[in-house]
All heavy atoms as atom14 arrays in JSON, in Angstrom:
{
  "sequence": "QSVEETVKIGFDGYAIGGLSVGEGKPERNEM",
  "atom14_mask": [
    [1, 1, 1, 1, 1, 1, 1, 1, 1, 0, 0, 0, 0, 0],
    [1, 1, 1, 1, 1, 1, 0, 0, 0, 0, 0, 0, 0, 0],
    [1, 1, 1, 1, 1, 1, 1, 0, 0, 0, 0, 0, 0, 0],
    [1, 1, 1, 1, 1, 1, 1, 1, 1, 0, 0, 0, 0, 0],
    [1, 1, 1, 1, 1, 1, 1, 1, 1, 0, 0, 0, 0, 0],
    [1, 1, 1, 1, 1, 1, 1, 0, 0, 0, 0, 0, 0, 0],
    [1, 1, 1, 1, 1, 1, 1, 0, 0, 0, 0, 0, 0, 0],
    [1, 1, 1, 1, 1, 1, 1, 1, 1, 0, 0, 0, 0, 0],
    [1, 1, 1, 1, 1, 1, 1, 1, 0, 0, 0, 0, 0, 0],
    [1, 1, 1, 1, 0, 0, 0, 0, 0, 0, 0, 0, 0, 0],
    [1, 1, 1, 1, 1, 1, 1, 1, 1, 1, 1, 0, 0, 0],
    [1, 1, 1, 1, 1, 1, 1, 1, 0, 0, 0, 0, 0, 0],
    [1, 1, 1, 1, 0, 0, 0, 0, 0, 0, 0, 0, 0, 0],
    [1, 1, 1, 1, 1, 1, 1, 1, 1, 1, 1, 1, 0, 0],
    [1, 1, 1, 1, 1, 0, 0, 0, 0, 0, 0, 0, 0, 0],
    [1, 1, 1, 1, 1, 1, 1, 1, 0, 0, 0, 0, 0, 0],
    [1, 1, 1, 1, 0, 0, 0, 0, 0, 0, 0, 0, 0, 0],
    [1, 1, 1, 1, 0, 0, 0, 0, 0, 0, 0, 0, 0, 0],
    [1, 1, 1, 1, 1, 1, 1, 1, 0, 0, 0, 0, 0, 0],
    [1, 1, 1, 1, 1, 1, 0, 0, 0, 0, 0, 0, 0, 0],
    [1, 1, 1, 1, 1, 1, 1, 0, 0, 0, 0, 0, 0, 0],
    [1, 1, 1, 1, 0, 0, 0, 0, 0, 0, 0, 0, 0, 0],
    [1, 1, 1, 1, 1, 1, 1, 1, 1, 0, 0, 0, 0, 0],
    [1, 1, 1, 1, 0, 0, 0, 0, 0, 0, 0, 0, 0, 0],
    [1, 1, 1, 1, 1, 1, 1, 1, 1, 0, 0, 0, 0, 0],
    [1, 1, 1, 1, 1, 1, 1, 0, 0, 0, 0, 0, 0, 0],
    [1, 1, 1, 1, 1, 1, 1, 1, 1, 0, 0, 0, 0, 0],
    [1, 1, 1, 1, 1, 1, 1, 1, 1, 1, 1, 0, 0, 0],
    [1, 1, 1, 1, 1, 1, 1, 1, 0, 0, 0, 0, 0, 0],
    [1, 1, 1, 1, 1, 1, 1, 1, 1, 0, 0, 0, 0, 0],
    [1, 1, 1, 1, 1, 1, 1, 1, 0, 0, 0, 0, 0, 0]
  ],
  "atom14_positions": [
    [[-1.79, -176.57, -20.39], [-1.21, -176.66, -19.07], [-2.44, -176.52, -18.05], [-2.67, -177.33, -17.05], [-0.31, -175.72, -18.74], [0.16, -175.59, -17.26], [0.9, -174.34, -16.94], [1.34, -173.64, -17.88], [1.21, -174.07, -15.68], [0.0, 0.0, 0.0], [0.0, 0.0, 0.0], [0.0, 0.0, 0.0], [0.0, 0.0, 0.0], [0.0, 0.0, 0.0]],
    [[-3.44, -175.57, -18.37], [-4.5, -175.32, -17.5], [-5.36, -176.54, -17.39], [-5.94, -176.97, -16.38], [-5.3, -174.02, -18.01], [-6.36, -173.74, -17.09], [0.0, 0.0, 0.0], [0.0, 0.0, 0.0], [0.0, 0.0, 0.0], [0.0, 0.0, 0.0], [0.0, 0.0, 0.0], [0.0, 0.0, 0.0], [0.0, 0.0, 0.0], [0.0, 0.0, 0.0]],
    [[-5.68, -177.13, -18.6], [-6.55, -178.28, -18.59], [-5.89, -179.46, -17.84], [-6.58, -180.01, -16.96], [-6.79, -178.82, -20.04], [-7.51, -180.09, -20.09], [-7.7, -177.66, -20.72], [0.0, 0.0, 0.0], [0.0, 0.0, 0.0], [0.0, 0.0, 0.0], [0.0, 0.0, 0.0], [0.0, 0.0, 0.0], [0.0, 0.0, 0.0], [0.0, 0.0, 0.0]],
    [[-4.68, -179.76, -18.18], [-4.09, -180.93, -17.53], [-3.99, -180.74, -15.88], [-4.3, -181.59, -15.34], [-2.7, -181.03, -18.08], [-1.77, -182.21, -17.42], [-0.41, -182.24, -18.0], [-0.07, -181.62, -18.99], [0.4, -183.06, -17.32], [0.0, 0.0, 0.0], [0.0, 0.0, 0.0], [0.0, 0.0, 0.0], [0.0, 0.0, 0.0], [0.0, 0.0, 0.0]],
    [[-3.58, -179.63, -15.53], [-3.49, -179.52, -14.05], [-4.9, -179.3, -13.37], [-5.1, -179.84, -12.17], [-2.61, -178.21, -13.71], [-1.22, -178.27, -14.22], [-0.48, -179.45, -13.59], [-0.74, -179.86, -12.39], [0.24, -180.15, -14.27], [0.0, 0.0, 0.0], [0.0, 0.0, 0.0], [0.0, 0.0, 0.0], [0.0, 0.0, 0.0], [0.0, 0.0, 0.0]],
    [[-5.8, -178.72, -13.95], [-7.12, -178.63, -13.38], [-7.75, -179.88, -13.33], [-8.57, -180.28, -12.32], [-7.98, -177.62, -14.22], [-7.37, -176.38, -14.38], [-9.44, -177.33, -13.61], [0.0, 0.0, 0.0], [0.0, 0.0, 0.0], [0.0, 0.0, 0.0], [0.0, 0.0, 0.0], [0.0, 0.0, 0.0], [0.0, 0.0, 0.0], [0.0, 0.0, 0.0]],
    [[-7.68, -180.81, -14.43], [-8.25, -182.07, -14.35], [-7.71, -183.03, -13.27], [-8.21, -183.82, -12.65], [-8.1, -182.79, -15.69], [-8.56, -184.25, -15.67], [-9.0, -182.04, -16.72], [0.0, 0.0, 0.0], [0.0, 0.0, 0.0], [0.0, 0.0, 0.0], [0.0, 0.0, 0.0], [0.0, 0.0, 0.0], [0.0, 0.0, 0.0], [0.0, 0.0, 0.0]],
    [[-6.36, -182.86, -12.95], [-5.66, -183.48, -11.93], [-6.37, -183.26, -10.54], [-6.41, -184.1, -9.66], [-4.22, -183.07, -11.8], [-3.33, -183.89, -12.91], [-1.9, -183.41, -12.65], [-1.06, -184.12, -13.81], [0.44, -183.74, -13.77], [0.0, 0.0, 0.0], [0.0, 0.0, 0.0], [0.0, 0.0, 0.0], [0.0, 0.0, 0.0], [0.0, 0.0, 0.0]],
    [[-6.73, -181.92, -10.34], [-7.34, -181.55, -9.08], [-8.65, -182.34, -8.9], [-9.07, -182.76, -7.91], [-7.57, -180.11, -9.08], [-6.12, -179.35, -9.11], [-8.26, -179.63, -7.74], [-6.27, -177.85, -9.17], [0.0, 0.0, 0.0], [0.0, 0.0, 0.0], [0.0, 0.0, 0.0], [0.0, 0.0, 0.0], [0.0, 0.0, 0.0], [0.0, 0.0, 0.0]],
    [[-9.39, -182.42, -10.13], [-10.73, -183.03, -10.1], [-11.99, -182.31, -9.86], [-11.99, -181.92, -8.68], [0.0, 0.0, 0.0], [0.0, 0.0, 0.0], [0.0, 0.0, 0.0], [0.0, 0.0, 0.0], [0.0, 0.0, 0.0], [0.0, 0.0, 0.0], [0.0, 0.0, 0.0], [0.0, 0.0, 0.0], [0.0, 0.0, 0.0], [0.0, 0.0, 0.0]],
    [[-12.7, -182.03, -10.82], [-14.02, -181.31, -10.52], [-15.17, -181.99, -11.19], [-14.93, -183.02, -11.97], [-13.7, -179.89, -11.23], [-12.85, -179.0, -10.39], [-11.37, -178.89, -10.83], [-13.14, -178.28, -9.31], [-10.56, -178.17, -10.1], [-12.43, -177.53, -8.62], [-11.04, -177.36, -9.0], [0.0, 0.0, 0.0], [0.0, 0.0, 0.0], [0.0, 0.0, 0.0]],
    [[-16.28, -181.47, -11.01], [-17.6, -182.03, -11.48], [-17.9, -181.58, -12.94], [-18.83, -181.98, -13.44], [-18.72, -181.8, -10.58], [-18.45, -182.33, -9.14], [-18.31, -183.51, -9.03], [-18.56, -181.54, -8.23], [0.0, 0.0, 0.0], [0.0, 0.0, 0.0], [0.0, 0.0, 0.0], [0.0, 0.0, 0.0], [0.0, 0.0, 0.0], [0.0, 0.0, 0.0]],
    [[-17.14, -180.55, -13.39], [-17.3, -180.07, -14.75], [-16.17, -179.02, -14.95], [-15.42, -178.63, -13.94], [0.0, 0.0, 0.0], [0.0, 0.0, 0.0], [0.0, 0.0, 0.0], [0.0, 0.0, 0.0], [0.0, 0.0, 0.0], [0.0, 0.0, 0.0], [0.0, 0.0, 0.0], [0.0, 0.0, 0.0], [0.0, 0.0, 0.0], [0.0, 0.0, 0.0]],
    [[-16.08, -178.53, -16.22], [-15.02, -177.68, -16.59], [-15.56, -176.54, -17.4], [-16.19, -176.81, -18.39], [-13.89, -178.43, -17.29], [-13.29, -179.52, -16.37], [-13.81, -180.87, -16.37], [-12.23, -179.16, -15.48], [-13.22, -181.83, -15.49], [-11.72, -180.2, -14.67], [-12.22, -181.34, -14.58], [-11.8, -182.3, -13.72], [0.0, 0.0, 0.0], [0.0, 0.0, 0.0]],
    [[-15.24, -175.35, -16.91], [-15.58, -174.13, -17.49], [-14.41, -173.42, -18.39], [-13.25, -173.6, -17.93], [-16.07, -173.09, -16.6], [0.0, 0.0, 0.0], [0.0, 0.0, 0.0], [0.0, 0.0, 0.0], [0.0, 0.0, 0.0], [0.0, 0.0, 0.0], [0.0, 0.0, 0.0], [0.0, 0.0, 0.0], [0.0, 0.0, 0.0], [0.0, 0.0, 0.0]],
    [[-14.75, -172.8, -19.48], [-13.85, -172.22, -20.35], [-13.88, -170.79, -20.11], [-15.01, -170.03, -20.24], [-14.03, -172.48, -21.75], [-13.9, -173.97, -21.99], [-13.05, -171.65, -22.65], [-14.42, -174.37, -23.46], [0.0, 0.0, 0.0], [0.0, 0.0, 0.0], [0.0, 0.0, 0.0], [0.0, 0.0, 0.0], [0.0, 0.0, 0.0], [0.0, 0.0, 0.0]],
    [[-12.89, -170.15, -19.35], [-12.83, -168.72, -19.05], [-11.88, -168.09, -19.96], [-11.09, -168.66, -20.67], [0.0, 0.0, 0.0], [0.0, 0.0, 0.0], [0.0, 0.0, 0.0], [0.0, 0.0, 0.0], [0.0, 0.0, 0.0], [0.0, 0.0, 0.0], [0.0, 0.0, 0.0], [0.0, 0.0, 0.0], [0.0, 0.0, 0.0], [0.0, 0.0, 0.0]],
    [[-11.84, -166.73, -19.79], [-10.88, -165.95, -20.48], [-11.19, -165.89, -21.98], [-10.31, -165.38, -22.76], [0.0, 0.0, 0.0], [0.0, 0.0, 0.0], [0.0, 0.0, 0.0], [0.0, 0.0, 0.0], [0.0, 0.0, 0.0], [0.0, 0.0, 0.0], [0.0, 0.0, 0.0], [0.0, 0.0, 0.0], [0.0, 0.0, 0.0], [0.0, 0.0, 0.0]],
    [[-12.22, -166.24, -22.46], [-12.62, -165.96, -23.94], [-13.97, -165.21, -23.92], [-14.63, -164.87, -22.94], [-13.0, -167.28, -24.56], [-11.73, -168.19, -25.01], [-12.1, -169.57, -25.57], [-10.61, -167.54, -25.61], [0.0, 0.0, 0.0], [0.0, 0.0, 0.0], [0.0, 0.0, 0.0], [0.0, 0.0, 0.0], [0.0, 0.0, 0.0], [0.0, 0.0, 0.0]],
    [[-14.33, -164.61, -25.22], [-15.41, -163.67, -25.35], [-15.09, -162.46, -24.38], [-16.02, -161.74, -23.82], [-16.73, -164.2, -24.88], [-17.23, -165.19, -25.76], [0.0, 0.0, 0.0], [0.0, 0.0, 0.0], [0.0, 0.0, 0.0], [0.0, 0.0, 0.0], [0.0, 0.0, 0.0], [0.0, 0.0, 0.0], [0.0, 0.0, 0.0], [0.0, 0.0, 0.0]],
    [[-13.78, -162.01, -24.41], [-13.35, -160.84, -23.64], [-12.75, -159.8, -24.59], [-11.88, -158.97, -24.1], [-12.39, -161.21, -22.58], [-13.07, -162.03, -21.43], [-11.25, -162.02, -22.98], [0.0, 0.0, 0.0], [0.0, 0.0, 0.0], [0.0, 0.0, 0.0], [0.0, 0.0, 0.0], [0.0, 0.0, 0.0], [0.0, 0.0, 0.0], [0.0, 0.0, 0.0]],
    [[-12.98, -160.01, -25.91], [-12.39, -159.07, -26.94], [-11.68, -159.65, -27.99], [-11.32, -158.98, -28.89], [0.0, 0.0, 0.0], [0.0, 0.0, 0.0], [0.0, 0.0, 0.0], [0.0, 0.0, 0.0], [0.0, 0.0, 0.0], [0.0, 0.0, 0.0], [0.0, 0.0, 0.0], [0.0, 0.0, 0.0], [0.0, 0.0, 0.0], [0.0, 0.0, 0.0]],
    [[-11.18, -161.0, -27.92], [-10.45, -161.52, -28.9], [-11.27, -161.75, -30.17], [-12.46, -161.73, -30.16], [-10.0, -162.89, -28.38], [-10.93, -164.14, -28.44], [-11.96, -164.01, -27.21], [-11.73, -163.15, -26.41], [-12.99, -164.8, -27.27], [0.0, 0.0, 0.0], [0.0, 0.0, 0.0], [0.0, 0.0, 0.0], [0.0, 0.0, 0.0], [0.0, 0.0, 0.0]],
    [[-10.66, -161.99, -31.3], [-11.37, -162.21, -32.58], [-11.96, -163.55, -32.57], [-11.53, -164.55, -31.87], [0.0, 0.0, 0.0], [0.0, 0.0, 0.0], [0.0, 0.0, 0.0], [0.0, 0.0, 0.0], [0.0, 0.0, 0.0], [0.0, 0.0, 0.0], [0.0, 0.0, 0.0], [0.0, 0.0, 0.0], [0.0, 0.0, 0.0], [0.0, 0.0, 0.0]],
    [[-12.9, -163.82, -33.52], [-13.47, -165.26, -33.6], [-12.47, -166.35, -34.02], [-12.56, -167.44, -33.56], [-14.63, -165.2, -34.68], [-15.94, -164.37, -34.0], [-17.18, -164.63, -34.83], [-18.44, -163.92, -34.17], [-19.62, -164.14, -34.98], [0.0, 0.0, 0.0], [0.0, 0.0, 0.0], [0.0, 0.0, 0.0], [0.0, 0.0, 0.0], [0.0, 0.0, 0.0]],
    [[-11.49, -165.87, -34.94], [-10.52, -166.95, -35.46], [-9.76, -167.46, -34.09], [-9.47, -168.68, -34.03], [-9.74, -166.19, -36.41], [-10.55, -165.1, -36.94], [-11.43, -164.74, -35.91], [0.0, 0.0, 0.0], [0.0, 0.0, 0.0], [0.0, 0.0, 0.0], [0.0, 0.0, 0.0], [0.0, 0.0, 0.0], [0.0, 0.0, 0.0], [0.0, 0.0, 0.0]],
    [[-9.27, -166.49, -33.15], [-8.55, -166.87, -32.06], [-9.37, -167.77, -31.13], [-8.92, -168.65, -30.61], [-8.01, -165.56, -31.24], [-6.95, -164.87, -32.12], [-7.53, -163.83, -33.07], [-8.66, -163.83, -33.3], [-6.74, -162.99, -33.64], [0.0, 0.0, 0.0], [0.0, 0.0, 0.0], [0.0, 0.0, 0.0], [0.0, 0.0, 0.0], [0.0, 0.0, 0.0]],
    [[-10.69, -167.37, -30.87], [-11.64, -167.94, -30.03], [-11.87, -169.49, -30.51], [-11.65, -170.35, -29.8], [-12.91, -167.22, -29.93], [-13.92, -167.67, -28.83], [-15.22, -167.0, -29.05], [-14.92, -165.63, -29.17], [-15.81, -164.68, -29.66], [-16.96, -165.0, -30.19], [-15.61, -163.47, -29.6], [0.0, 0.0, 0.0], [0.0, 0.0, 0.0], [0.0, 0.0, 0.0]],
    [[-12.2, -169.49, -31.83], [-12.45, -170.87, -32.35], [-11.27, -171.82, -32.32], [-11.35, -172.89, -32.2], [-12.96, -170.77, -33.7], [-14.28, -170.08, -33.84], [-15.03, -169.96, -32.96], [-14.72, -169.59, -35.02], [0.0, 0.0, 0.0], [0.0, 0.0, 0.0], [0.0, 0.0, 0.0], [0.0, 0.0, 0.0], [0.0, 0.0, 0.0], [0.0, 0.0, 0.0]],
    [[-10.05, -171.19, -32.45], [-8.85, -172.08, -32.43], [-8.65, -172.54, -30.95], [-8.4, -173.82, -30.77], [-7.52, -171.19, -32.68], [-6.25, -171.85, -32.57], [-4.98, -171.02, -32.73], [-5.18, -169.83, -32.97], [-3.92, -171.55, -32.6], [0.0, 0.0, 0.0], [0.0, 0.0, 0.0], [0.0, 0.0, 0.0], [0.0, 0.0, 0.0], [0.0, 0.0, 0.0]],
    [[-8.99, -171.87, -29.9], [-8.98, -172.3, -28.59], [-10.03, -173.36, -28.37], [-9.97, -174.43, -27.75], [-9.16, -171.16, -27.62], [-7.94, -170.22, -27.6], [-6.41, -170.99, -27.16], [-5.65, -171.07, -28.82], [0.0, 0.0, 0.0], [0.0, 0.0, 0.0], [0.0, 0.0, 0.0], [0.0, 0.0, 0.0], [0.0, 0.0, 0.0], [0.0, 0.0, 0.0]]
  ]
}
C-alpha cells in the first residue's frame, strides 16, 4: 500500500524506512 500510494504522488527517489529498527534479518530480507 505504501509503495503504490507513494509512487502515485511521484518522487525523485524512494527510501525504505522502518527497517533496521530491531527486526530480525529474516523479516528484513522478506521485506
